[in-house]
Amino acid sequence: MIRSMTAFGNARADLEQGTLAIELRSVNSRFLDLYFRLPDELRHVETPLRELLTANLARGKVEIRVSFTRNASTDLSKLDPAWLESLAEQLQAARRIVPDIAPPRLVELFNWPGQRGNDALDPQIWGAACLQAGQQALTQLQEGRAREGERLAGMMRECADGVARVVDIVQAHLPQLLSDHRDKLAAKLRESVETAFPGGFTHISGAELSERLSQEANLFALRIDVAEELSRLRSHLEELRHLLTDGGGKSASGKKNAGSAGKRLDFLFQEMNREANTLGSKAGSMEVTRAAMDLKLLIEQMREQAQNIE
């Protein structure tokens, strides 16, 4: 399955002491970059969260934001007495410098980091809750990535169909291109002979003229021969469709692929663009030139979409 790198997931866990919330925001990146925003009390869960995300995500810049809100409490016995005494001393010292300083409100005391005493967070309980919520948020993130990835894959399939149509048009146009060039070459040769020999000539036979004309036509055919480029483009299209369907698991030949689908798509579009450039350089008519430009436009559109594929 093709997955996008852009998605969002969140989850929450309600415990006796309060509510924990976790958010995962992912955008495109060449590698997997994890950025954690955790309260000091939950720093110990960064490593298991990192392992969880690393095991399930291949690429993307992911911001992990964890917060918790304590339940309202007015039980003064839950406040740390030593901490209250220290705070009172610091407040008196501050008032000697700033007499009008306002004392903290009671609700602020209950939510002050590091002062909970017997009501401190249990690392094991909150750590387990954080990991459980992290798994739920990750599932939501993956579902969002899959939905966006399918949308991007649909857009690339439409462009791939456009490339296939252009390739068929060029293939069908080649015989007519050779025929037109042969006619132009014959007319030009006839005009040159009539100009050089107004009274006619007998030392050049019709067979010789025909042979020379055939040689020139063959040389031109070799110059504009794009059969190999068209064949490679068709092969790339087949591989592209397999990637969009299989998500990079296996190639069109059935072999297991290494690396992410996004990186393989980027490489594939580079190869397709190279074939389109060669096609344009060999163009023997405006029709083929326009076809090469259309191919490059379609390939670039697919490449832009692939930048957001995991």
C-alpha atoms as a PDB file:
ATOM      1  CA  MET A   1       0.000   0.000   0.000  1.00  0.00           C
ATOM      2  CA  ILE A   2       1.197   3.490  -0.862  1.00  0.00           C
ATOM      3  CA  ARG A   3       1.297   5.810   2.159  1.00  0.00           C
ATOM      4  CA  SER A   4       1.668   9.564   2.331  1.00  0.00           C
ATOM      5  CA  MET A   5       4.019  11.195   4.835  1.00  0.00           C
ATOM      6  CA  THR A   6       1.475  13.874   5.774  1.00  0.00           C
ATOM      7  CA  ALA A   7      -1.044  12.968   8.468  1.00  0.00           C
ATOM      8  CA  PHE A   8      -2.216  13.635  12.013  1.00  0.00           C
ATOM      9  CA  GLY A   9      -3.147  11.362  14.877  1.00  0.00           C
ATOM     10  CA  ASN A  10      -4.152  11.971  18.477  1.00  0.00           C
ATOM     11  CA  ALA A  11      -5.376  10.043  21.497  1.00  0.00           C
ATOM     12  CA  ARG A  12      -6.011  10.555  25.203  1.00  0.00           C
ATOM     13  CA  ALA A  13      -6.024   8.517  28.375  1.00  0.00           C
ATOM     14  CA  ASP A  14      -8.077   9.341  31.481  1.00  0.00           C
ATOM     15  CA  LEU A  15      -6.485   8.354  34.786  1.00  0.00           C
ATOM     16  CA  GLU A  16      -7.248   9.046  38.438  1.00  0.00           C
ATOM     17  CA  GLN A  17      -4.812  11.939  38.627  1.00  0.00           C
ATOM     18  CA  GLY A  18      -5.734  13.564  35.335  1.00  0.00           C
ATOM     19  CA  THR A  19      -5.907  13.277  31.559  1.00  0.00           C
ATOM     20  CA  LEU A  20      -3.000  12.550  29.229  1.00  0.00           C
ATOM     21  CA  ALA A  21      -3.110  13.652  25.577  1.00  0.00           C
ATOM     22  CA  ILE A  22      -0.723  12.785  22.760  1.00  0.00           C
ATOM     23  CA  GLU A  23      -0.559  14.266  19.260  1.00  0.00           C
ATOM     24  CA  LEU A  24       1.433  13.041  16.256  1.00  0.00           C
ATOM     25  CA  ARG A  25       1.961  15.388  13.308  1.00  0.00           C
ATOM     26  CA  SER A  26       3.815  14.104  10.265  1.00  0.00           C
ATOM     27  CA  VAL A  27       5.072  15.896   7.145  1.00  0.00           C
ATOM     28  CA  ASN A  28       7.363  14.837   4.319  1.00  0.00           C
ATOM     29  CA  SER A  29      11.098  14.376   4.852  1.00  0.00           C
ATOM     30  CA  ARG A  30      13.866  12.385   3.193  1.00  0.00           C
ATOM     31  CA  PHE A  31      14.438  10.403   6.373  1.00  0.00           C
ATOM     32  CA  LEU A  32      12.616   9.589   9.614  1.00  0.00           C
ATOM     33  CA  ASP A  33      13.032  12.555  11.967  1.00  0.00           C
ATOM     34  CA  LEU A  34      11.328  12.436  15.378  1.00  0.00           C
ATOM     35  CA  TYR A  35      10.849  15.552  17.521  1.00  0.00           C
ATOM     36  CA  PHE A  36       9.524  15.065  21.061  1.00  0.00           C
ATOM     37  CA  ARG A  37       7.707  17.610  23.214  1.00  0.00           C
ATOM     38  CA  LEU A  38       7.271  15.866  26.576  1.00  0.00           C
ATOM     39  CA  PRO A  39       6.656  17.031  30.162  1.00  0.00           C
ATOM     40  CA  ASP A  40       9.615  16.416  32.453  1.00  0.00           C
ATOM     41  CA  GLU A  41       7.591  13.827  34.388  1.00  0.00           C
ATOM     42  CA  LEU A  42       7.206  11.722  31.227  1.00  0.00           C
ATOM     43  CA  ARG A  43      10.713  11.977  29.794  1.00  0.00           C
ATOM     44  CA  HIS A  44      11.247   8.307  30.587  1.00  0.00           C
ATOM     45  CA  VAL A  45       8.727   7.261  27.898  1.00  0.00           C
ATOM     46  CA  GLU A  46      10.640   8.953  25.064  1.00  0.00           C
ATOM     47  CA  THR A  47      12.745   5.870  24.339  1.00  0.00           C
ATOM     48  CA  PRO A  48       9.856   3.354  24.113  1.00  0.00           C
ATOM     49  CA  LEU A  49       7.823   5.878  22.075  1.00  0.00           C
ATOM     50  CA  ARG A  50      10.771   6.324  19.726  1.00  0.00           C
ATOM     51  CA  GLU A  51      11.086   2.555  19.326  1.00  0.00           C
ATOM     52  CA  LEU A  52       7.352   2.270  18.608  1.00  0.00           C
ATOM     53  CA  LEU A  53       7.439   4.934  15.887  1.00  0.00           C
ATOM     54  CA  THR A  54      10.706   3.738  14.357  1.00  0.00           C
ATOM     55  CA  ALA A  55       9.298   0.223  14.018  1.00  0.00           C
ATOM     56  CA  ASN A  56       6.210   1.451  12.164  1.00  0.00           C
ATOM     57  CA  LEU A  57       7.325   4.486  10.132  1.00  0.00           C
ATOM     58  CA  ALA A  58       9.950   4.596   7.388  1.00  0.00           C
ATOM     59  CA  ARG A  59      10.141   8.284   6.497  1.00  0.00           C
ATOM     60  CA  GLY A  60       8.737  11.622   7.552  1.00  0.00           C
ATOM     61  CA  LYS A  61       9.290  14.456   9.999  1.00  0.00           C
ATOM     62  CA  VAL A  62       7.131  13.566  13.003  1.00  0.00           C
ATOM     63  CA  GLU A  63       6.396  15.851  15.940  1.00  0.00           C
ATOM     64  CA  ILE A  64       5.288  14.047  19.094  1.00  0.00           C
ATOM     65  CA  ARG A  65       3.576  16.300  21.621  1.00  0.00           C
ATOM     66  CA  VAL A  66       2.493  14.876  24.996  1.00  0.00           C
ATOM     67  CA  SER A  67       0.628  16.869  27.646  1.00  0.00           C
ATOM     68  CA  PHE A  68      -1.383  16.086  30.745  1.00  0.00           C
ATOM     69  CA  THR A  69      -3.946  17.986  32.772  1.00  0.00           C
ATOM     70  CA  ARG A  70      -4.433  17.177  36.425  1.00  0.00           C
ATOM     71  CA  ASN A  71      -7.878  16.755  37.863  1.00  0.00           C
ATOM     72  CA  ALA A  72      -9.024  19.682  39.999  1.00  0.00           C
ATOM     73  CA  SER A  73      -8.113  19.193  43.656  1.00  0.00           C
ATOM     74  CA  THR A  74      -8.352  21.300  46.835  1.00  0.00           C
ATOM     75  CA  ASP A  75      -6.991  18.756  49.290  1.00  0.00           C
ATOM     76  CA  LEU A  76      -4.156  20.703  50.923  1.00  0.00           C
ATOM     77  CA  SER A  77      -2.791  17.489  52.449  1.00  0.00           C
ATOM     78  CA  LYS A  78      -1.649  16.464  48.986  1.00  0.00           C
ATOM     79  CA  LEU A  79       0.690  19.431  48.750  1.00  0.00           C
ATOM     80  CA  ASP A  80       4.290  18.870  49.823  1.00  0.00           C
ATOM     81  CA  PRO A  81       4.767  20.810  53.110  1.00  0.00           C
ATOM     82  CA  ALA A  82       8.486  21.242  52.560  1.00  0.00           C
ATOM     83  CA  TRP A  83       7.829  22.616  49.122  1.00  0.00           C
ATOM     84  CA  LEU A  84       5.212  25.063  50.492  1.00  0.00           C
ATOM     85  CA  GLU A  85       7.676  26.352  53.110  1.00  0.00           C
ATOM     86  CA  SER A  86      10.350  26.815  50.453  1.00  0.00           C
ATOM     87  CA  LEU A  87       7.903  28.630  48.200  1.00  0.00           C
ATOM     88  CA  ALA A  88       6.833  30.952  51.035  1.00  0.00           C
ATOM     89  CA  GLU A  89      10.456  31.854  51.774  1.00  0.00           C
ATOM     90  CA  GLN A  90      11.117  32.571  48.101  1.00  0.00           C
ATOM     91  CA  LEU A  91       7.961  34.694  47.924  1.00  0.00           C
ATOM     92  CA  GLN A  92       9.052  36.779  50.929  1.00  0.00           C
ATOM     93  CA  ALA A  93      12.484  37.284  49.375  1.00  0.00           C
ATOM     94  CA  ALA A  94      10.880  38.371  46.122  1.00  0.00           C
ATOM     95  CA  ARG A  95       8.620  40.871  47.931  1.00  0.00           C
ATOM     96  CA  ARG A  96      11.656  42.604  49.391  1.00  0.00           C
ATOM     97  CA  ILE A  97      12.618  43.412  45.807  1.00  0.00           C
ATOM     98  CA  VAL A  98       9.137  43.708  44.266  1.00  0.00           C
ATOM     99  CA  PRO A  99       6.696  44.662  47.068  1.00  0.00           C
ATOM    100  CA  ASP A 100       3.597  44.453  44.859  1.00  0.00           C
ATOM    101  CA  ILE A 101       4.224  40.900  43.637  1.00  0.00           C
ATOM    102  CA  ALA A 102       1.025  38.821  43.705  1.00  0.00           C
ATOM    103  CA  PRO A 103       0.980  35.480  45.536  1.00  0.00           C
ATOM    104  CA  PRO A 104       0.192  32.356  43.495  1.00  0.00           C
ATOM    105  CA  ARG A 105      -3.394  31.206  43.403  1.00  0.00           C
ATOM    106  CA  LEU A 106      -4.404  27.934  45.009  1.00  0.00           C
ATOM    107  CA  VAL A 107      -5.114  26.254  41.664  1.00  0.00           C
ATOM    108  CA  GLU A 108      -1.624  27.216  40.524  1.00  0.00           C
ATOM    109  CA  LEU A 109      -0.138  25.541  43.565  1.00  0.00           C
ATOM    110  CA  PHE A 110      -1.893  22.286  42.743  1.00  0.00           C
ATOM    111  CA  ASN A 111      -0.636  22.352  39.141  1.00  0.00           C
ATOM    112  CA  TRP A 112       2.891  23.519  39.911  1.00  0.00           C
ATOM    113  CA  PRO A 113       5.442  21.111  38.320  1.00  0.00           C
ATOM    114  CA  GLY A 114       7.326  18.961  40.793  1.00  0.00           C
ATOM    115  CA  GLN A 115       5.395  19.881  43.973  1.00  0.00           C
ATOM    116  CA  ARG A 116       2.858  17.088  44.272  1.00  0.00           C
ATOM    117  CA  GLY A 117       4.534  15.178  47.080  1.00  0.00           C
ATOM    118  CA  ASN A 118       2.458  12.047  47.726  1.00  0.00           C
ATOM    119  CA  ASP A 119       0.377  12.897  44.686  1.00  0.00           C
ATOM    120  CA  ALA A 120       3.337  12.704  42.283  1.00  0.00           C
ATOM    121  CA  LEU A 121       2.884  10.895  38.993  1.00  0.00           C
ATOM    122  CA  ASP A 122       3.558   7.175  39.098  1.00  0.00           C
ATOM    123  CA  PRO A 123       6.108   6.611  36.287  1.00  0.00           C
ATOM    124  CA  GLN A 124       4.900   3.086  35.540  1.00  0.00           C
ATOM    125  CA  ILE A 125       1.184   3.921  35.431  1.00  0.00           C
ATOM    126  CA  TRP A 126       1.558   7.090  33.401  1.00  0.00           C
ATOM    127  CA  GLY A 127       4.257   5.572  31.219  1.00  0.00           C
ATOM    128  CA  ALA A 128       2.003   2.643  30.311  1.00  0.00           C
ATOM    129  CA  ALA A 129      -0.889   5.022  29.625  1.00  0.00           C
ATOM    130  CA  CYS A 130       1.341   7.153  27.421  1.00  0.00           C
ATOM    131  CA  LEU A 131       2.447   4.153  25.361  1.00  0.00           C
ATOM    132  CA  GLN A 132      -1.125   2.926  24.983  1.00  0.00           C
ATOM    133  CA  ALA A 133      -2.280   6.365  23.834  1.00  0.00           C
ATOM    134  CA  GLY A 134       0.771   6.560  21.571  1.00  0.00           C
ATOM    135  CA  GLN A 135      -0.240   3.310  19.867  1.00  0.00           C
ATOM    136  CA  GLN A 136      -3.770   4.627  19.333  1.00  0.00           C
ATOM    137  CA  ALA A 137      -2.455   7.904  17.907  1.00  0.00           C
ATOM    138  CA  LEU A 138      -0.059   5.985  15.660  1.00  0.00           C
ATOM    139  CA  THR A 139      -2.916   3.842  14.330  1.00  0.00           C
ATOM    140  CA  GLN A 140      -4.862   6.998  13.515  1.00  0.00           C
ATOM    141  CA  LEU A 141      -1.773   8.512  11.886  1.00  0.00           C
ATOM    142  CA  GLN A 142      -1.239   5.411   9.741  1.00  0.00           C
ATOM    143  CA  GLU A 143      -4.862   5.410   8.642  1.00  0.00           C
ATOM    144  CA  GLY A 144      -4.541   9.048   7.583  1.00  0.00           C
ATOM    145  CA  ARG A 145      -1.313   8.296   5.734  1.00  0.00           C
ATOM    146  CA  ALA A 146      -2.990   5.429   3.901  1.00  0.00           C
ATOM    147  CA  ARG A 147      -5.972   7.559   2.826  1.00  0.00           C
ATOM    148  CA  GLU A 148      -3.762  10.374   1.576  1.00  0.00           C
ATOM    149  CA  GLY A 149      -1.428   7.869  -0.085  1.00  0.00           C
ATOM    150  CA  GLU A 150      -4.297   6.308  -2.028  1.00  0.00           C
ATOM    151  CA  ARG A 151      -5.359   9.753  -3.212  1.00  0.00           C
ATOM    152  CA  LEU A 152      -1.823  10.518  -4.415  1.00  0.00           C
ATOM    153  CA  ALA A 153      -1.585   7.096  -6.067  1.00  0.00           C
ATOM    154  CA  GLY A 154      -4.826   7.793  -7.955  1.00  0.00           C
ATOM    155  CA  MET A 155      -3.413  11.064  -9.274  1.00  0.00           C
ATOM    156  CA  MET A 156      -0.216   9.327 -10.395  1.00  0.00           C
ATOM    157  CA  ARG A 157      -2.206   6.569 -12.113  1.00  0.00           C
ATOM    158  CA  GLU A 158      -4.037   9.216 -14.150  1.00  0.00           C
ATOM    159  CA  CYS A 159      -0.706  10.753 -15.179  1.00  0.00           C
ATOM    160  CA  ALA A 160       0.668   7.286 -16.010  1.00  0.00           C
ATOM    161  CA  ASP A 161      -2.320   6.670 -18.290  1.00  0.00           C
ATOM    162  CA  GLY A 162      -1.514   9.985 -19.976  1.00  0.00           C
ATOM    163  CA  VAL A 163       2.092   8.900 -20.516  1.00  0.00           C
ATOM    164  CA  ALA A 164       0.902   5.619 -22.049  1.00  0.00           C
ATOM    165  CA  ARG A 165      -1.363   7.506 -24.468  1.00  0.00           C
ATOM    166  CA  VAL A 166       1.485   9.787 -25.558  1.00  0.00           C
ATOM    167  CA  VAL A 167       3.786   6.791 -26.107  1.00  0.00           C
ATOM    168  CA  ASP A 168       1.136   5.124 -28.280  1.00  0.00           C
ATOM    169  CA  ILE A 169       0.682   8.321 -30.298  1.00  0.00           C
ATOM    170  CA  VAL A 170       4.425   8.620 -30.959  1.00  0.00           C
ATOM    171  CA  GLN A 171       4.651   4.933 -31.901  1.00  0.00           C
ATOM    172  CA  ALA A 172       1.773   5.279 -34.351  1.00  0.00           C
ATOM    173  CA  HIS A 173       3.222   8.481 -35.834  1.00  0.00           C
ATOM    174  CA  LEU A 174       6.671   7.072 -36.684  1.00  0.00           C
ATOM    175  CA  PRO A 175       5.743   5.253 -39.967  1.00  0.00           C
ATOM    176  CA  GLN A 176       4.003   8.365 -41.293  1.00  0.00           C
ATOM    177  CA  LEU A 177       6.984  10.472 -40.263  1.00  0.00           C
ATOM    178  CA  LEU A 178       9.340   8.287 -42.306  1.00  0.00           C
ATOM    179  CA  SER A 179       6.982   8.299 -45.288  1.00  0.00           C
ATOM    180  CA  ASP A 180       6.642  12.086 -45.200  1.00  0.00           C
ATOM    181  CA  HIS A 181      10.395  12.521 -44.988  1.00  0.00           C
ATOM    182  CA  ARG A 182      10.950  10.183 -47.937  1.00  0.00           C
ATOM    183  CA  ASP A 183       8.478  12.183 -50.030  1.00  0.00           C
ATOM    184  CA  LYS A 184      10.142  15.473 -49.074  1.00  0.00           C
ATOM    185  CA  LEU A 185      13.564  14.037 -49.823  1.00  0.00           C
ATOM    186  CA  ALA A 186      12.421  12.773 -53.236  1.00  0.00           C
ATOM    187  CA  ALA A 187      10.902  16.144 -54.120  1.00  0.00           C
ATOM    188  CA  LYS A 188      14.038  17.987 -53.021  1.00  0.00           C
ATOM    189  CA  LEU A 189      16.274  15.620 -54.983  1.00  0.00           C
ATOM    190  CA  ARG A 190      14.100  15.967 -58.084  1.00  0.00           C
ATOM    191  CA  GLU A 191      14.207  19.761 -57.787  1.00  0.00           C
ATOM    192  CA  SER A 192      17.983  19.747 -57.403  1.00  0.00           C
ATOM    193  CA  VAL A 193      18.457  17.507 -60.439  1.00  0.00           C
ATOM    194  CA  GLU A 194      16.170  19.645 -62.581  1.00  0.00           C
ATOM    195  CA  THR A 195      18.047  22.771 -61.512  1.00  0.00           C
ATOM    196  CA  ALA A 196      21.440  21.222 -62.222  1.00  0.00           C
ATOM    197  CA  PHE A 197      20.361  19.606 -65.502  1.00  0.00           C
ATOM    198  CA  PRO A 198      17.654  21.777 -67.080  1.00  0.00           C
ATOM    199  CA  GLY A 199      17.861  19.866 -70.340  1.00  0.00           C
ATOM    200  CA  GLY A 200      17.622  16.496 -68.692  1.00  0.00           C
ATOM    201  CA  PHE A 201      20.362  13.973 -68.001  1.00  0.00           C
ATOM    202  CA  THR A 202      21.250  10.467 -69.013  1.00  0.00           C
ATOM    203  CA  HIS A 203      24.327   9.653 -66.901  1.00  0.00           C
ATOM    204  CA  ILE A 204      22.271   9.053 -63.700  1.00  0.00           C
ATOM    205  CA  SER A 205      19.828   6.196 -63.888  1.00  0.00           C
ATOM    206  CA  GLY A 206      16.522   6.033 -62.094  1.00  0.00           C
ATOM    207  CA  ALA A 207      17.767   3.026 -60.142  1.00  0.00           C
ATOM    208  CA  GLU A 208      20.708   5.037 -58.826  1.00  0.00           C
ATOM    209  CA  LEU A 209      18.415   7.858 -57.751  1.00  0.00           C
ATOM    210  CA  SER A 210      16.127   5.399 -56.043  1.00  0.00           C
ATOM    211  CA  GLU A 211      19.054   3.761 -54.258  1.00  0.00           C
ATOM    212  CA  ARG A 212      20.371   7.093 -53.037  1.00  0.00           C
ATOM    213  CA  LEU A 213      16.924   8.096 -51.886  1.00  0.00           C
ATOM    214  CA  SER A 214      16.593   4.839 -49.979  1.00  0.00           C
ATOM    215  CA  GLN A 215      19.959   5.373 -48.283  1.00  0.00           C
ATOM    216  CA  GLU A 216      19.019   8.869 -47.131  1.00  0.00           C
ATOM    217  CA  ALA A 217      15.687   7.646 -45.823  1.00  0.00           C
ATOM    218  CA  ASN A 218      17.402   4.844 -43.894  1.00  0.00           C
ATOM    219  CA  LEU A 219      19.893   7.265 -42.355  1.00  0.00           C
ATOM    220  CA  PHE A 220      17.045   9.496 -41.254  1.00  0.00           C
ATOM    221  CA  ALA A 221      15.185   6.509 -39.821  1.00  0.00           C
ATOM    222  CA  LEU A 222      18.228   5.606 -37.724  1.00  0.00           C
ATOM    223  CA  ARG A 223      18.495   9.183 -36.505  1.00  0.00           C
ATOM    224  CA  ILE A 224      14.907   9.345 -35.297  1.00  0.00           C
ATOM    225  CA  ASP A 225      14.596   5.727 -34.164  1.00  0.00           C
ATOM    226  CA  VAL A 226      13.029   5.954 -30.700  1.00  0.00           C
ATOM    227  CA  ALA A 227      11.787   2.380 -30.469  1.00  0.00           C
ATOM    228  CA  GLU A 228      14.204   1.658 -27.609  1.00  0.00           C
ATOM    229  CA  GLU A 229      13.122   4.762 -25.690  1.00  0.00           C
ATOM    230  CA  LEU A 230       9.446   3.915 -26.145  1.00  0.00           C
ATOM    231  CA  SER A 231      10.078   0.339 -25.024  1.00  0.00           C
ATOM    232  CA  ARG A 232      11.853   1.512 -21.867  1.00  0.00           C
ATOM    233  CA  LEU A 233       9.062   3.981 -21.124  1.00  0.00           C
ATOM    234  CA  ARG A 234       6.532   1.152 -21.333  1.00  0.00           C
ATOM    235  CA  SER A 235       8.701  -0.937 -19.007  1.00  0.00           C
ATOM    236  CA  HIS A 236       8.908   1.951 -16.527  1.00  0.00           C
ATOM    237  CA  LEU A 237       5.127   2.361 -16.666  1.00  0.00           C
ATOM    238  CA  GLU A 238       4.665  -1.307 -15.819  1.00  0.00           C
ATOM    239  CA  GLU A 239       6.999  -0.964 -12.834  1.00  0.00           C
ATOM    240  CA  LEU A 240       5.198   2.224 -11.774  1.00  0.00           C
ATOM    241  CA  ARG A 241       1.808   0.516 -11.746  1.00  0.00           C
ATOM    242  CA  HIS A 242       3.218  -2.330  -9.652  1.00  0.00           C
ATOM    243  CA  LEU A 243       4.686   0.150  -7.177  1.00  0.00           C
ATOM    244  CA  LEU A 244       1.395   2.016  -6.865  1.00  0.00           C
ATOM    245  CA  THR A 245      -0.480  -1.249  -6.303  1.00  0.00           C
ATOM    246  CA  ASP A 246       2.014  -3.199  -4.212  1.00  0.00           C
ATOM    247  CA  GLY A 247       3.529  -0.253  -2.356  1.00  0.00           C
ATOM    248  CA  GLY A 248       7.070  -1.220  -3.255  1.00  0.00           C
ATOM    249  CA  GLY A 249       6.861  -4.725  -1.798  1.00  0.00           C
ATOM    250  CA  LYS A 250       7.764  -6.455  -5.063  1.00  0.00           C
ATOM    251  CA  SER A 251       8.872  -5.353  -8.492  1.00  0.00           C
ATOM    252  CA  ALA A 252       7.049  -6.171 -11.726  1.00  0.00           C
ATOM    253  CA  SER A 253       9.308  -9.228 -12.060  1.00  0.00           C
ATOM    254  CA  GLY A 254       8.194 -10.530  -8.656  1.00  0.00           C
ATOM    255  CA  LYS A 255      11.438  -9.772  -6.805  1.00  0.00           C
ATOM    256  CA  LYS A 256      11.313  -8.161  -3.374  1.00  0.00           C
ATOM    257  CA  ASN A 257      12.211  -4.477  -3.449  1.00  0.00           C
ATOM    258  CA  ALA A 258      14.547  -2.794  -0.998  1.00  0.00           C
ATOM    259  CA  GLY A 259      13.924   0.741   0.229  1.00  0.00           C
ATOM    260  CA  SER A 260      10.847   2.888   0.533  1.00  0.00           C
ATOM    261  CA  ALA A 261       8.255   3.269  -2.201  1.00  0.00           C
ATOM    262  CA  GLY A 262       8.811   7.031  -2.264  1.00  0.00           C
ATOM    263  CA  LYS A 263      12.520   6.722  -3.000  1.00  0.00           C
ATOM    264  CA  ARG A 264      11.913   4.065  -5.655  1.00  0.00           C
ATOM    265  CA  LEU A 265       9.299   6.269  -7.320  1.00  0.00           C
ATOM    266  CA  ASP A 266      11.696   9.209  -7.344  1.00  0.00           C
ATOM    267  CA  PHE A 267      14.371   7.101  -9.055  1.00  0.00           C
ATOM    268  CA  LEU A 268      11.843   5.722 -11.538  1.00  0.00           C
ATOM    269  CA  PHE A 269      10.702   9.217 -12.541  1.00  0.00           C
ATOM    270  CA  GLN A 270      14.317  10.257 -13.081  1.00  0.00           C
ATOM    271  CA  GLU A 271      14.716   7.381 -15.534  1.00  0.00           C
ATOM    272  CA  MET A 272      11.458   8.222 -17.305  1.00  0.00           C
ATOM    273  CA  ASN A 273      12.495  11.863 -17.607  1.00  0.00           C
ATOM    274  CA  ARG A 274      15.791  10.770 -19.163  1.00  0.00           C
ATOM    275  CA  GLU A 275      13.909   8.795 -21.821  1.00  0.00           C
ATOM    276  CA  ALA A 276      11.640  11.782 -22.514  1.00  0.00           C
ATOM    277  CA  ASN A 277      14.705  14.017 -22.992  1.00  0.00           C
ATOM    278  CA  THR A 278      16.222  11.528 -25.439  1.00  0.00           C
ATOM    279  CA  LEU A 279      12.917  11.344 -27.292  1.00  0.00           C
ATOM    280  CA  GLY A 280      12.879  15.124 -27.619  1.00  0.00           C
ATOM    281  CA  SER A 281      16.456  15.258 -28.894  1.00  0.00           C
ATOM    282  CA  LYS A 282      15.626  12.689 -31.599  1.00  0.00           C
ATOM    283  CA  ALA A 283      12.388  14.389 -32.619  1.00  0.00           C
ATOM    284  CA  GLY A 284      11.940  14.464 -36.379  1.00  0.00           C
ATOM    285  CA  SER A 285       8.754  16.505 -36.347  1.00  0.00           C
ATOM    286  CA  MET A 286       6.866  19.050 -34.294  1.00  0.00           C
ATOM    287  CA  GLU A 287       4.420  16.332 -33.279  1.00  0.00           C
ATOM    288  CA  VAL A 288       7.172  14.291 -31.613  1.00  0.00           C
ATOM    289  CA  THR A 289       8.637  17.426 -30.018  1.00  0.00           C
ATOM    290  CA  ARG A 290       5.265  18.291 -28.507  1.00  0.00           C
ATOM    291  CA  ALA A 291       4.844  14.689 -27.359  1.00  0.00           C
ATOM    292  CA  ALA A 292       8.214  14.825 -25.570  1.00  0.00           C
ATOM    293  CA  MET A 293       7.168  18.043 -23.818  1.00  0.00           C
ATOM    294  CA  ASP A 294       3.869  16.455 -22.774  1.00  0.00           C
ATOM    295  CA  LEU A 295       5.762  13.471 -21.372  1.00  0.00           C
ATOM    296  CA  LYS A 296       8.073  15.673 -19.316  1.00  0.00           C
ATOM    297  CA  LEU A 297       5.108  17.606 -17.926  1.00  0.00           C
ATOM    298  CA  LEU A 298       3.278  14.429 -16.883  1.00  0.00           C
ATOM    299  CA  ILE A 299       6.426  12.928 -15.357  1.00  0.00           C
ATOM    300  CA  GLU A 300       7.108  16.117 -13.390  1.00  0.00           C
ATOM    301  CA  GLN A 301       3.551  16.082 -12.040  1.00  0.00           C
ATOM    302  CA  MET A 302       4.057  12.514 -10.816  1.00  0.00           C
ATOM    303  CA  ARG A 303       7.461  13.356  -9.348  1.00  0.00           C
ATOM    304  CA  GLU A 304       5.960  16.212  -7.323  1.00  0.00           C
ATOM    305  CA  GLN A 305       3.330  13.871  -5.875  1.00  0.00           C
ATOM    306  CA  ALA A 306       5.970  11.247  -5.083  1.00  0.00           C
ATOM    307  CA  GLN A 307       7.845  13.719  -2.853  1.00  0.00           C
ATOM    308  CA  ASN A 308       5.157  13.097  -0.226  1.00  0.00           C
ATOM    309  CA  ILE A 309       5.162   9.290  -0.496  1.00  0.00           C
ATOM    310  CA  GLU A 310       6.712   7.352   2.393  1.00  0.00           C
END
